[in-house]
Amino acid sequence: MKRIFKVLPVLLILLIATSCSSIKVSTDYDKAADFNNYKTFAFFKTGIDKAEISDLDKRRILRAIETELLAKGFTKSENPDLLISLFTKSNQRVDVYNNYWGYGAWGWGGYGPGWGWGWNQPASVSTSTEGTLFIDLIDANKKELVWQGMGTGYLTRNMDKKDALIKEFVAKIMEKYPPGTKQ
């Protein structure tokens, strides 16, 4: 019994850490599409070329998508059932933290500085980039979008972590495909 009380906190922390993903995922799909008919895929170069990211990042994303689809039993083909496209968006987020702490009123009035006590630190500013990756699956015969996955999260400039982050983004999005399967 004592052993359970020693292991329980560790398991609880592990569960919390693994359940809190920094990537938010949503999907949309054509409810009339029969996803069981899709077995092969190819990349839609025209759509991918329009993505406003570096060619290196495009290749990282495409490799990750290919890995996920092959793991789901798909085959890469010259005559595919699905065409895969992607696009990205990014937003710069600026957070300003004003750390004023004090008592009473403060500032400049008509007769000089205000009254009160406390301390004031200069405001701190932090910036981060939030990126969104869209993965589009297009019915190759009908040339219609049948599924779209979207993942949003914070991007890193750390080149050592970039590959892992891209793989995580793609894996989180693609675990929602095909729709209707239990995750």
N, C-alpha and C. Protein backbone atom coordinates (compact mmCIF):
# COMPACT_ATOMS: atom_id res chain seq x y z
N MET A 1 0.83 -1.20 0.00
CA MET A 1 0.00 0.00 0.00
C MET A 1 0.86 1.25 0.00
N LYS A 2 1.95 1.25 0.79
CA LYS A 2 2.83 2.40 0.83
C LYS A 2 3.49 2.64 -0.52
N ARG A 3 3.75 1.56 -1.23
CA ARG A 3 4.38 1.66 -2.55
C ARG A 3 3.46 2.40 -3.53
N ILE A 4 2.16 2.18 -3.43
CA ILE A 4 1.20 2.86 -4.30
C ILE A 4 1.25 4.36 -4.06
N PHE A 5 1.36 4.76 -2.78
CA PHE A 5 1.40 6.19 -2.47
C PHE A 5 2.70 6.84 -2.96
N LYS A 6 3.76 6.04 -3.12
CA LYS A 6 5.01 6.58 -3.66
C LYS A 6 4.94 6.71 -5.18
N VAL A 7 4.28 5.77 -5.83
CA VAL A 7 4.22 5.73 -7.30
C VAL A 7 3.12 6.65 -7.83
N LEU A 8 2.03 6.79 -7.09
CA LEU A 8 0.89 7.56 -7.55
C LEU A 8 1.22 9.00 -7.94
N PRO A 9 1.98 9.75 -7.13
CA PRO A 9 2.30 11.12 -7.54
C PRO A 9 3.12 11.19 -8.84
N VAL A 10 4.02 10.24 -9.01
CA VAL A 10 4.82 10.21 -10.23
C VAL A 10 3.94 9.94 -11.44
N LEU A 11 3.03 8.99 -11.32
CA LEU A 11 2.11 8.68 -12.42
C LEU A 11 1.19 9.85 -12.72
N LEU A 12 0.74 10.53 -11.68
CA LEU A 12 -0.14 11.68 -11.86
C LEU A 12 0.58 12.81 -12.61
N ILE A 13 1.80 13.08 -12.23
CA ILE A 13 2.59 14.13 -12.91
C ILE A 13 2.83 13.73 -14.36
N LEU A 14 3.15 12.47 -14.58
CA LEU A 14 3.38 11.99 -15.94
C LEU A 14 2.12 12.12 -16.79
N LEU A 15 0.97 11.78 -16.23
CA LEU A 15 -0.30 11.90 -16.94
C LEU A 15 -0.59 13.35 -17.30
N ILE A 16 -0.39 14.24 -16.37
CA ILE A 16 -0.64 15.67 -16.62
C ILE A 16 0.31 16.19 -17.69
N ALA A 17 1.56 15.83 -17.59
CA ALA A 17 2.56 16.32 -18.55
C ALA A 17 2.27 15.82 -19.96
N THR A 18 1.84 14.57 -20.10
CA THR A 18 1.60 14.04 -21.44
C THR A 18 0.26 14.46 -22.00
N SER A 19 -0.69 14.82 -21.15
CA SER A 19 -2.01 15.20 -21.66
C SER A 19 -2.07 16.67 -22.06
N CYS A 20 -1.14 17.47 -21.64
CA CYS A 20 -1.13 18.89 -21.96
C CYS A 20 -0.30 19.13 -23.20
N SER A 21 -0.92 19.14 -24.33
CA SER A 21 -0.22 19.37 -25.58
C SER A 21 -0.27 20.85 -25.91
N SER A 22 0.83 21.34 -26.42
CA SER A 22 0.88 22.74 -26.78
C SER A 22 0.36 22.98 -28.19
N ILE A 23 -0.08 21.94 -28.85
CA ILE A 23 -0.60 22.04 -30.21
C ILE A 23 -2.10 21.79 -30.18
N LYS A 24 -2.86 22.78 -30.68
CA LYS A 24 -4.31 22.65 -30.76
C LYS A 24 -4.66 22.17 -32.17
N VAL A 25 -5.48 21.15 -32.26
CA VAL A 25 -5.82 20.55 -33.55
C VAL A 25 -7.32 20.60 -33.78
N SER A 26 -7.70 20.90 -34.99
CA SER A 26 -9.10 20.78 -35.40
C SER A 26 -9.14 20.26 -36.83
N THR A 27 -10.24 19.62 -37.17
CA THR A 27 -10.38 19.07 -38.52
C THR A 27 -11.77 19.37 -39.06
N ASP A 28 -11.86 19.29 -40.37
CA ASP A 28 -13.15 19.42 -41.05
C ASP A 28 -13.10 18.46 -42.24
N TYR A 29 -14.26 17.94 -42.61
CA TYR A 29 -14.25 16.98 -43.71
C TYR A 29 -15.62 16.93 -44.38
N ASP A 30 -15.61 16.36 -45.59
CA ASP A 30 -16.82 16.16 -46.37
C ASP A 30 -17.52 14.91 -45.85
N LYS A 31 -18.68 15.09 -45.25
CA LYS A 31 -19.40 13.96 -44.65
C LYS A 31 -19.90 12.96 -45.68
N ALA A 32 -19.96 13.36 -46.94
CA ALA A 32 -20.42 12.45 -48.00
C ALA A 32 -19.27 11.61 -48.56
N ALA A 33 -18.03 11.95 -48.24
CA ALA A 33 -16.88 11.22 -48.78
C ALA A 33 -16.74 9.86 -48.09
N ASP A 34 -16.39 8.85 -48.88
CA ASP A 34 -16.13 7.52 -48.33
C ASP A 34 -14.61 7.37 -48.20
N PHE A 35 -14.10 7.55 -47.01
CA PHE A 35 -12.66 7.56 -46.77
C PHE A 35 -12.04 6.17 -46.89
N ASN A 36 -12.86 5.13 -46.93
CA ASN A 36 -12.34 3.77 -47.13
C ASN A 36 -11.85 3.56 -48.56
N ASN A 37 -12.29 4.41 -49.49
CA ASN A 37 -11.89 4.28 -50.90
C ASN A 37 -10.50 4.86 -51.16
N TYR A 38 -9.94 5.59 -50.23
CA TYR A 38 -8.65 6.23 -50.44
C TYR A 38 -7.53 5.34 -49.92
N LYS A 39 -6.68 4.91 -50.84
CA LYS A 39 -5.58 4.00 -50.49
C LYS A 39 -4.21 4.52 -50.94
N THR A 40 -4.21 5.43 -51.91
CA THR A 40 -2.94 5.93 -52.46
C THR A 40 -2.90 7.45 -52.37
N PHE A 41 -1.70 8.01 -52.39
CA PHE A 41 -1.55 9.45 -52.29
C PHE A 41 -0.35 9.94 -53.10
N ALA A 42 -0.37 11.22 -53.37
CA ALA A 42 0.75 11.94 -53.97
C ALA A 42 0.67 13.37 -53.46
N PHE A 43 1.78 14.08 -53.56
CA PHE A 43 1.79 15.47 -53.12
C PHE A 43 1.39 16.39 -54.26
N PHE A 44 0.58 17.39 -53.94
CA PHE A 44 0.06 18.35 -54.91
C PHE A 44 1.04 19.52 -54.98
N LYS A 45 1.99 19.42 -55.90
CA LYS A 45 3.10 20.37 -55.98
C LYS A 45 2.64 21.81 -56.13
N THR A 46 1.61 22.03 -56.93
CA THR A 46 1.12 23.39 -57.16
C THR A 46 0.70 24.05 -55.84
N GLY A 47 -0.02 23.32 -55.02
CA GLY A 47 -0.46 23.86 -53.74
C GLY A 47 0.68 24.03 -52.75
N ILE A 48 1.58 23.07 -52.73
CA ILE A 48 2.70 23.10 -51.78
C ILE A 48 3.65 24.24 -52.11
N ASP A 49 3.85 24.51 -53.40
CA ASP A 49 4.75 25.60 -53.80
C ASP A 49 4.26 26.96 -53.30
N LYS A 50 2.97 27.10 -53.05
CA LYS A 50 2.41 28.38 -52.59
C LYS A 50 2.62 28.61 -51.09
N ALA A 51 2.96 27.56 -50.34
CA ALA A 51 3.16 27.70 -48.89
C ALA A 51 4.33 28.64 -48.64
N GLU A 52 4.12 29.60 -47.78
CA GLU A 52 5.12 30.64 -47.53
C GLU A 52 6.05 30.27 -46.38
N ILE A 53 6.77 29.18 -46.59
CA ILE A 53 7.79 28.74 -45.64
C ILE A 53 9.01 28.31 -46.43
N SER A 54 10.11 28.08 -45.75
CA SER A 54 11.33 27.71 -46.45
C SER A 54 11.18 26.32 -47.08
N ASP A 55 11.95 26.09 -48.12
CA ASP A 55 11.93 24.78 -48.78
C ASP A 55 12.38 23.68 -47.82
N LEU A 56 13.27 24.01 -46.89
CA LEU A 56 13.71 23.02 -45.90
C LEU A 56 12.55 22.60 -45.01
N ASP A 57 11.77 23.57 -44.54
CA ASP A 57 10.62 23.25 -43.70
C ASP A 57 9.55 22.51 -44.49
N LYS A 58 9.36 22.86 -45.76
CA LYS A 58 8.40 22.12 -46.59
C LYS A 58 8.79 20.65 -46.66
N ARG A 59 10.07 20.40 -46.91
CA ARG A 59 10.53 19.01 -47.00
C ARG A 59 10.35 18.28 -45.67
N ARG A 60 10.61 18.97 -44.57
CA ARG A 60 10.40 18.35 -43.25
C ARG A 60 8.93 17.96 -43.07
N ILE A 61 8.04 18.87 -43.42
CA ILE A 61 6.60 18.62 -43.28
C ILE A 61 6.17 17.48 -44.19
N LEU A 62 6.62 17.50 -45.44
CA LEU A 62 6.22 16.46 -46.40
C LEU A 62 6.73 15.09 -45.97
N ARG A 63 7.96 15.02 -45.46
CA ARG A 63 8.47 13.73 -44.95
C ARG A 63 7.62 13.23 -43.79
N ALA A 64 7.24 14.15 -42.90
CA ALA A 64 6.42 13.76 -41.74
C ALA A 64 5.04 13.28 -42.18
N ILE A 65 4.43 13.97 -43.15
CA ILE A 65 3.12 13.55 -43.67
C ILE A 65 3.24 12.17 -44.32
N GLU A 66 4.27 12.00 -45.14
CA GLU A 66 4.47 10.71 -45.81
C GLU A 66 4.64 9.59 -44.79
N THR A 67 5.41 9.82 -43.75
CA THR A 67 5.61 8.81 -42.70
C THR A 67 4.28 8.44 -42.05
N GLU A 68 3.46 9.45 -41.74
CA GLU A 68 2.17 9.19 -41.10
C GLU A 68 1.23 8.41 -42.02
N LEU A 69 1.17 8.78 -43.30
CA LEU A 69 0.28 8.09 -44.23
C LEU A 69 0.73 6.66 -44.51
N LEU A 70 2.04 6.45 -44.64
CA LEU A 70 2.54 5.09 -44.84
C LEU A 70 2.22 4.22 -43.63
N ALA A 71 2.31 4.80 -42.44
CA ALA A 71 1.98 4.05 -41.22
C ALA A 71 0.50 3.69 -41.16
N LYS A 72 -0.35 4.47 -41.83
CA LYS A 72 -1.78 4.19 -41.88
C LYS A 72 -2.14 3.21 -43.00
N GLY A 73 -1.14 2.73 -43.75
CA GLY A 73 -1.38 1.75 -44.80
C GLY A 73 -1.53 2.33 -46.19
N PHE A 74 -1.30 3.62 -46.35
CA PHE A 74 -1.37 4.24 -47.68
C PHE A 74 -0.13 3.90 -48.48
N THR A 75 -0.25 4.04 -49.80
CA THR A 75 0.87 3.83 -50.71
C THR A 75 1.05 5.10 -51.54
N LYS A 76 2.30 5.49 -51.71
CA LYS A 76 2.59 6.64 -52.58
C LYS A 76 2.47 6.17 -54.03
N SER A 77 1.82 6.98 -54.89
CA SER A 77 1.50 6.52 -56.24
C SER A 77 1.59 7.65 -57.26
N GLU A 78 1.83 7.26 -58.50
CA GLU A 78 1.80 8.21 -59.61
C GLU A 78 0.35 8.49 -60.04
N ASN A 79 -0.55 7.59 -59.70
CA ASN A 79 -1.97 7.72 -60.02
C ASN A 79 -2.76 7.62 -58.70
N PRO A 80 -2.72 8.69 -57.88
CA PRO A 80 -3.24 8.60 -56.51
C PRO A 80 -4.74 8.80 -56.39
N ASP A 81 -5.28 8.33 -55.27
CA ASP A 81 -6.66 8.60 -54.89
C ASP A 81 -6.76 9.97 -54.21
N LEU A 82 -5.71 10.32 -53.44
CA LEU A 82 -5.67 11.59 -52.70
C LEU A 82 -4.47 12.41 -53.11
N LEU A 83 -4.70 13.71 -53.21
CA LEU A 83 -3.60 14.66 -53.39
C LEU A 83 -3.42 15.39 -52.06
N ILE A 84 -2.18 15.54 -51.64
CA ILE A 84 -1.88 16.18 -50.36
C ILE A 84 -1.32 17.56 -50.63
N SER A 85 -1.93 18.55 -50.00
CA SER A 85 -1.44 19.93 -50.10
C SER A 85 -1.31 20.48 -48.69
N LEU A 86 -0.64 21.59 -48.58
CA LEU A 86 -0.50 22.23 -47.28
C LEU A 86 -0.34 23.73 -47.46
N PHE A 87 -0.66 24.45 -46.41
CA PHE A 87 -0.32 25.86 -46.34
C PHE A 87 -0.16 26.25 -44.88
N THR A 88 0.45 27.38 -44.68
CA THR A 88 0.78 27.81 -43.32
C THR A 88 0.39 29.26 -43.10
N LYS A 89 0.21 29.59 -41.84
CA LYS A 89 0.00 30.97 -41.41
C LYS A 89 0.82 31.16 -40.15
N SER A 90 1.23 32.38 -39.89
CA SER A 90 1.90 32.66 -38.63
C SER A 90 1.50 34.04 -38.13
N ASN A 91 1.48 34.16 -36.81
CA ASN A 91 1.16 35.42 -36.16
C ASN A 91 2.22 35.71 -35.12
N GLN A 92 2.66 36.94 -35.08
CA GLN A 92 3.60 37.37 -34.04
C GLN A 92 2.78 37.80 -32.84
N ARG A 93 3.09 37.25 -31.68
CA ARG A 93 2.37 37.60 -30.46
C ARG A 93 3.32 38.40 -29.57
N VAL A 94 2.85 39.55 -29.09
CA VAL A 94 3.64 40.40 -28.21
C VAL A 94 2.91 40.52 -26.88
N ASP A 95 3.57 40.14 -25.81
CA ASP A 95 3.00 40.25 -24.46
C ASP A 95 3.79 41.30 -23.69
N VAL A 96 3.07 42.25 -23.09
CA VAL A 96 3.70 43.29 -22.27
C VAL A 96 3.23 43.07 -20.84
N TYR A 97 4.19 42.96 -19.95
CA TYR A 97 3.89 42.75 -18.53
C TYR A 97 4.31 43.99 -17.77
N ASN A 98 3.33 44.69 -17.15
CA ASN A 98 3.62 45.84 -16.33
C ASN A 98 3.59 45.38 -14.89
N ASN A 99 4.74 45.42 -14.25
CA ASN A 99 4.87 44.86 -12.91
C ASN A 99 4.74 45.91 -11.83
N TYR A 100 3.84 46.88 -11.96
CA TYR A 100 3.68 47.91 -10.94
C TYR A 100 2.97 47.33 -9.73
N TRP A 101 3.48 47.65 -8.57
CA TRP A 101 2.86 47.26 -7.32
C TRP A 101 2.93 48.47 -6.41
N GLY A 102 1.85 48.83 -5.80
CA GLY A 102 1.91 50.01 -4.94
C GLY A 102 0.61 50.24 -4.20
N TYR A 103 0.53 51.40 -3.58
CA TYR A 103 -0.61 51.77 -2.77
C TYR A 103 -1.04 53.16 -3.17
N GLY A 104 -2.32 53.38 -3.26
CA GLY A 104 -2.81 54.72 -3.55
C GLY A 104 -2.68 55.07 -5.01
N ALA A 105 -2.84 56.35 -5.27
CA ALA A 105 -2.76 56.85 -6.64
C ALA A 105 -1.32 57.14 -6.99
N TRP A 106 -1.01 57.11 -8.26
CA TRP A 106 0.34 57.43 -8.70
C TRP A 106 0.27 58.15 -10.02
N GLY A 107 1.33 58.79 -10.38
CA GLY A 107 1.38 59.48 -11.65
C GLY A 107 1.60 60.96 -11.46
N TRP A 108 1.45 61.71 -12.51
CA TRP A 108 1.67 63.16 -12.48
C TRP A 108 0.31 63.86 -12.51
N GLY A 109 0.13 64.74 -11.57
CA GLY A 109 -1.08 65.54 -11.53
C GLY A 109 -0.75 66.98 -11.90
N GLY A 110 -1.66 67.88 -11.61
CA GLY A 110 -1.44 69.29 -11.93
C GLY A 110 -0.35 69.92 -11.08
N TYR A 111 -0.04 69.34 -9.90
CA TYR A 111 0.92 69.94 -9.00
C TYR A 111 2.19 69.11 -8.84
N GLY A 112 2.42 68.16 -9.68
CA GLY A 112 3.62 67.34 -9.56
C GLY A 112 3.26 65.87 -9.44
N PRO A 113 4.26 65.08 -8.97
CA PRO A 113 4.02 63.65 -8.88
C PRO A 113 2.92 63.32 -7.88
N GLY A 114 2.25 62.19 -8.13
CA GLY A 114 1.18 61.74 -7.24
C GLY A 114 1.73 61.21 -5.93
N TRP A 115 0.86 60.76 -5.05
CA TRP A 115 1.27 60.28 -3.74
C TRP A 115 1.18 58.77 -3.69
N GLY A 116 1.71 58.17 -2.68
CA GLY A 116 1.62 56.73 -2.49
C GLY A 116 2.99 56.13 -2.31
N TRP A 117 3.01 54.81 -2.14
CA TRP A 117 4.27 54.12 -1.99
C TRP A 117 4.23 52.83 -2.80
N GLY A 118 5.35 52.23 -2.98
CA GLY A 118 5.43 50.99 -3.74
C GLY A 118 6.68 50.99 -4.59
N TRP A 119 6.81 49.96 -5.43
CA TRP A 119 7.93 49.94 -6.34
C TRP A 119 7.43 49.67 -7.73
N ASN A 120 8.22 50.04 -8.65
CA ASN A 120 7.81 49.90 -10.04
C ASN A 120 8.99 49.36 -10.83
N GLN A 121 8.77 48.29 -11.53
CA GLN A 121 9.78 47.78 -12.44
C GLN A 121 9.39 48.19 -13.85
N PRO A 122 10.37 48.33 -14.70
CA PRO A 122 10.01 48.61 -16.09
C PRO A 122 9.20 47.45 -16.67
N ALA A 123 8.34 47.76 -17.59
CA ALA A 123 7.53 46.73 -18.24
C ALA A 123 8.46 45.77 -18.97
N SER A 124 8.11 44.49 -18.96
CA SER A 124 8.87 43.51 -19.73
C SER A 124 8.03 43.10 -20.93
N VAL A 125 8.71 42.86 -22.02
CA VAL A 125 8.04 42.51 -23.27
C VAL A 125 8.59 41.18 -23.76
N SER A 126 7.70 40.28 -24.14
CA SER A 126 8.14 39.03 -24.75
C SER A 126 7.38 38.83 -26.06
N THR A 127 8.06 38.26 -27.02
CA THR A 127 7.42 37.98 -28.31
C THR A 127 7.54 36.49 -28.60
N SER A 128 6.54 35.97 -29.28
CA SER A 128 6.56 34.58 -29.72
C SER A 128 5.80 34.50 -31.03
N THR A 129 6.08 33.46 -31.78
CA THR A 129 5.41 33.26 -33.06
C THR A 129 4.51 32.05 -32.96
N GLU A 130 3.24 32.27 -33.24
CA GLU A 130 2.28 31.19 -33.27
C GLU A 130 2.06 30.81 -34.73
N GLY A 131 2.23 29.54 -35.02
CA GLY A 131 2.08 29.08 -36.40
C GLY A 131 0.91 28.13 -36.54
N THR A 132 0.33 28.13 -37.73
CA THR A 132 -0.75 27.21 -38.06
C THR A 132 -0.39 26.45 -39.32
N LEU A 133 -0.49 25.14 -39.24
CA LEU A 133 -0.24 24.28 -40.38
C LEU A 133 -1.56 23.65 -40.80
N PHE A 134 -1.90 23.82 -42.08
CA PHE A 134 -3.09 23.22 -42.66
C PHE A 134 -2.63 22.08 -43.57
N ILE A 135 -3.22 20.91 -43.40
CA ILE A 135 -2.96 19.78 -44.29
C ILE A 135 -4.28 19.47 -45.00
N ASP A 136 -4.26 19.59 -46.32
CA ASP A 136 -5.46 19.37 -47.13
C ASP A 136 -5.34 18.04 -47.87
N LEU A 137 -6.40 17.25 -47.81
CA LEU A 137 -6.48 16.02 -48.58
C LEU A 137 -7.57 16.22 -49.63
N ILE A 138 -7.17 16.09 -50.88
CA ILE A 138 -8.03 16.41 -52.02
C ILE A 138 -8.31 15.12 -52.80
N ASP A 139 -9.58 14.88 -53.10
CA ASP A 139 -9.95 13.75 -53.93
C ASP A 139 -9.35 14.00 -55.32
N ALA A 140 -8.46 13.10 -55.74
CA ALA A 140 -7.73 13.31 -57.00
C ALA A 140 -8.64 13.25 -58.23
N ASN A 141 -9.68 12.45 -58.20
CA ASN A 141 -10.58 12.34 -59.35
C ASN A 141 -11.51 13.53 -59.46
N LYS A 142 -12.11 13.92 -58.33
CA LYS A 142 -13.08 15.02 -58.33
C LYS A 142 -12.43 16.40 -58.20
N LYS A 143 -11.16 16.41 -57.78
CA LYS A 143 -10.43 17.67 -57.53
C LYS A 143 -11.17 18.52 -56.48
N GLU A 144 -11.66 17.83 -55.43
CA GLU A 144 -12.39 18.49 -54.34
C GLU A 144 -11.72 18.19 -53.01
N LEU A 145 -11.69 19.18 -52.16
CA LEU A 145 -11.18 19.00 -50.81
C LEU A 145 -12.13 18.07 -50.05
N VAL A 146 -11.58 16.99 -49.45
CA VAL A 146 -12.43 16.07 -48.69
C VAL A 146 -12.09 16.07 -47.20
N TRP A 147 -10.89 16.53 -46.83
CA TRP A 147 -10.49 16.56 -45.42
C TRP A 147 -9.45 17.66 -45.23
N GLN A 148 -9.58 18.36 -44.12
CA GLN A 148 -8.58 19.38 -43.78
C GLN A 148 -8.27 19.28 -42.29
N GLY A 149 -7.00 19.19 -41.98
CA GLY A 149 -6.54 19.20 -40.60
C GLY A 149 -5.77 20.47 -40.34
N MET A 150 -5.96 21.04 -39.17
CA MET A 150 -5.29 22.29 -38.82
C MET A 150 -4.66 22.14 -37.44
N GLY A 151 -3.38 22.44 -37.34
CA GLY A 151 -2.69 22.43 -36.06
C GLY A 151 -2.11 23.80 -35.77
N THR A 152 -2.32 24.29 -34.55
CA THR A 152 -1.81 25.60 -34.16
C THR A 152 -0.97 25.45 -32.90
N GLY A 153 0.20 26.07 -32.91
CA GLY A 153 1.09 26.02 -31.75
C GLY A 153 2.21 27.02 -31.91
N TYR A 154 3.06 27.09 -30.90
CA TYR A 154 4.16 28.03 -30.93
C TYR A 154 5.37 27.43 -31.62
N LEU A 155 6.02 28.24 -32.43
CA LEU A 155 7.16 27.80 -33.22
C LEU A 155 8.45 28.08 -32.47
N THR A 156 9.47 27.33 -32.82
CA THR A 156 10.76 27.51 -32.19
C THR A 156 11.79 27.94 -33.22
N ARG A 157 12.76 28.70 -32.75
CA ARG A 157 13.89 29.06 -33.61
C ARG A 157 15.07 28.13 -33.35
N ASN A 158 14.91 27.27 -32.38
CA ASN A 158 15.95 26.31 -32.03
C ASN A 158 15.99 25.22 -33.09
N MET A 159 17.03 25.21 -33.88
CA MET A 159 17.13 24.27 -35.01
C MET A 159 17.19 22.82 -34.54
N ASP A 160 17.72 22.58 -33.33
CA ASP A 160 17.79 21.22 -32.82
C ASP A 160 16.41 20.65 -32.53
N LYS A 161 15.46 21.50 -32.19
CA LYS A 161 14.12 21.05 -31.83
C LYS A 161 13.12 21.16 -32.99
N LYS A 162 13.53 21.78 -34.09
CA LYS A 162 12.60 22.05 -35.19
C LYS A 162 12.05 20.77 -35.82
N ASP A 163 12.91 19.80 -36.10
CA ASP A 163 12.46 18.53 -36.70
C ASP A 163 11.43 17.84 -35.82
N ALA A 164 11.73 17.77 -34.53
CA ALA A 164 10.81 17.10 -33.61
C ALA A 164 9.48 17.85 -33.52
N LEU A 165 9.53 19.17 -33.52
CA LEU A 165 8.30 19.96 -33.43
C LEU A 165 7.44 19.77 -34.68
N ILE A 166 8.05 19.76 -35.85
CA ILE A 166 7.30 19.55 -37.09
C ILE A 166 6.68 18.16 -37.10
N LYS A 167 7.43 17.15 -36.69
CA LYS A 167 6.89 15.79 -36.63
C LYS A 167 5.71 15.72 -35.66
N GLU A 168 5.83 16.42 -34.53
CA GLU A 168 4.74 16.42 -33.55
C GLU A 168 3.50 17.11 -34.11
N PHE A 169 3.70 18.27 -34.79
CA PHE A 169 2.57 18.98 -35.42
C PHE A 169 1.84 18.05 -36.37
N VAL A 170 2.57 17.43 -37.28
CA VAL A 170 1.97 16.58 -38.30
C VAL A 170 1.30 15.36 -37.66
N ALA A 171 1.97 14.73 -36.71
CA ALA A 171 1.40 13.54 -36.06
C ALA A 171 0.09 13.87 -35.35
N LYS A 172 0.04 15.00 -34.65
CA LYS A 172 -1.18 15.40 -33.94
C LYS A 172 -2.32 15.65 -34.92
N ILE A 173 -2.00 16.27 -36.05
CA ILE A 173 -3.04 16.54 -37.05
C ILE A 173 -3.51 15.23 -37.69
N MET A 174 -2.57 14.40 -38.11
CA MET A 174 -2.92 13.20 -38.86
C MET A 174 -3.53 12.10 -37.99
N GLU A 175 -3.41 12.20 -36.67
CA GLU A 175 -4.07 11.19 -35.85
C GLU A 175 -5.59 11.35 -35.91
N LYS A 176 -6.07 12.48 -36.44
CA LYS A 176 -7.50 12.71 -36.60
C LYS A 176 -8.02 12.17 -37.95
N TYR A 177 -7.13 11.61 -38.77
CA TYR A 177 -7.53 11.06 -40.05
C TYR A 177 -7.47 9.54 -40.00
N PRO A 178 -8.41 8.84 -40.57
CA PRO A 178 -9.65 9.30 -41.19
C PRO A 178 -10.67 9.66 -40.12
N PRO A 179 -11.62 10.50 -40.48
CA PRO A 179 -12.65 10.89 -39.51
C PRO A 179 -13.50 9.69 -39.11
N GLY A 180 -14.00 9.74 -37.90
CA GLY A 180 -14.88 8.68 -37.43
C GLY A 180 -14.15 7.52 -36.78
N THR A 181 -12.81 7.49 -36.85
CA THR A 181 -12.07 6.43 -36.16
C THR A 181 -11.78 6.87 -34.74
N LYS A 182 -11.68 5.92 -33.86
CA LYS A 182 -11.39 6.26 -32.45
C LYS A 182 -9.91 6.59 -32.33
N GLN A 183 -9.64 7.70 -31.68
CA GLN A 183 -8.27 8.15 -31.49
C GLN A 183 -7.67 7.53 -30.26
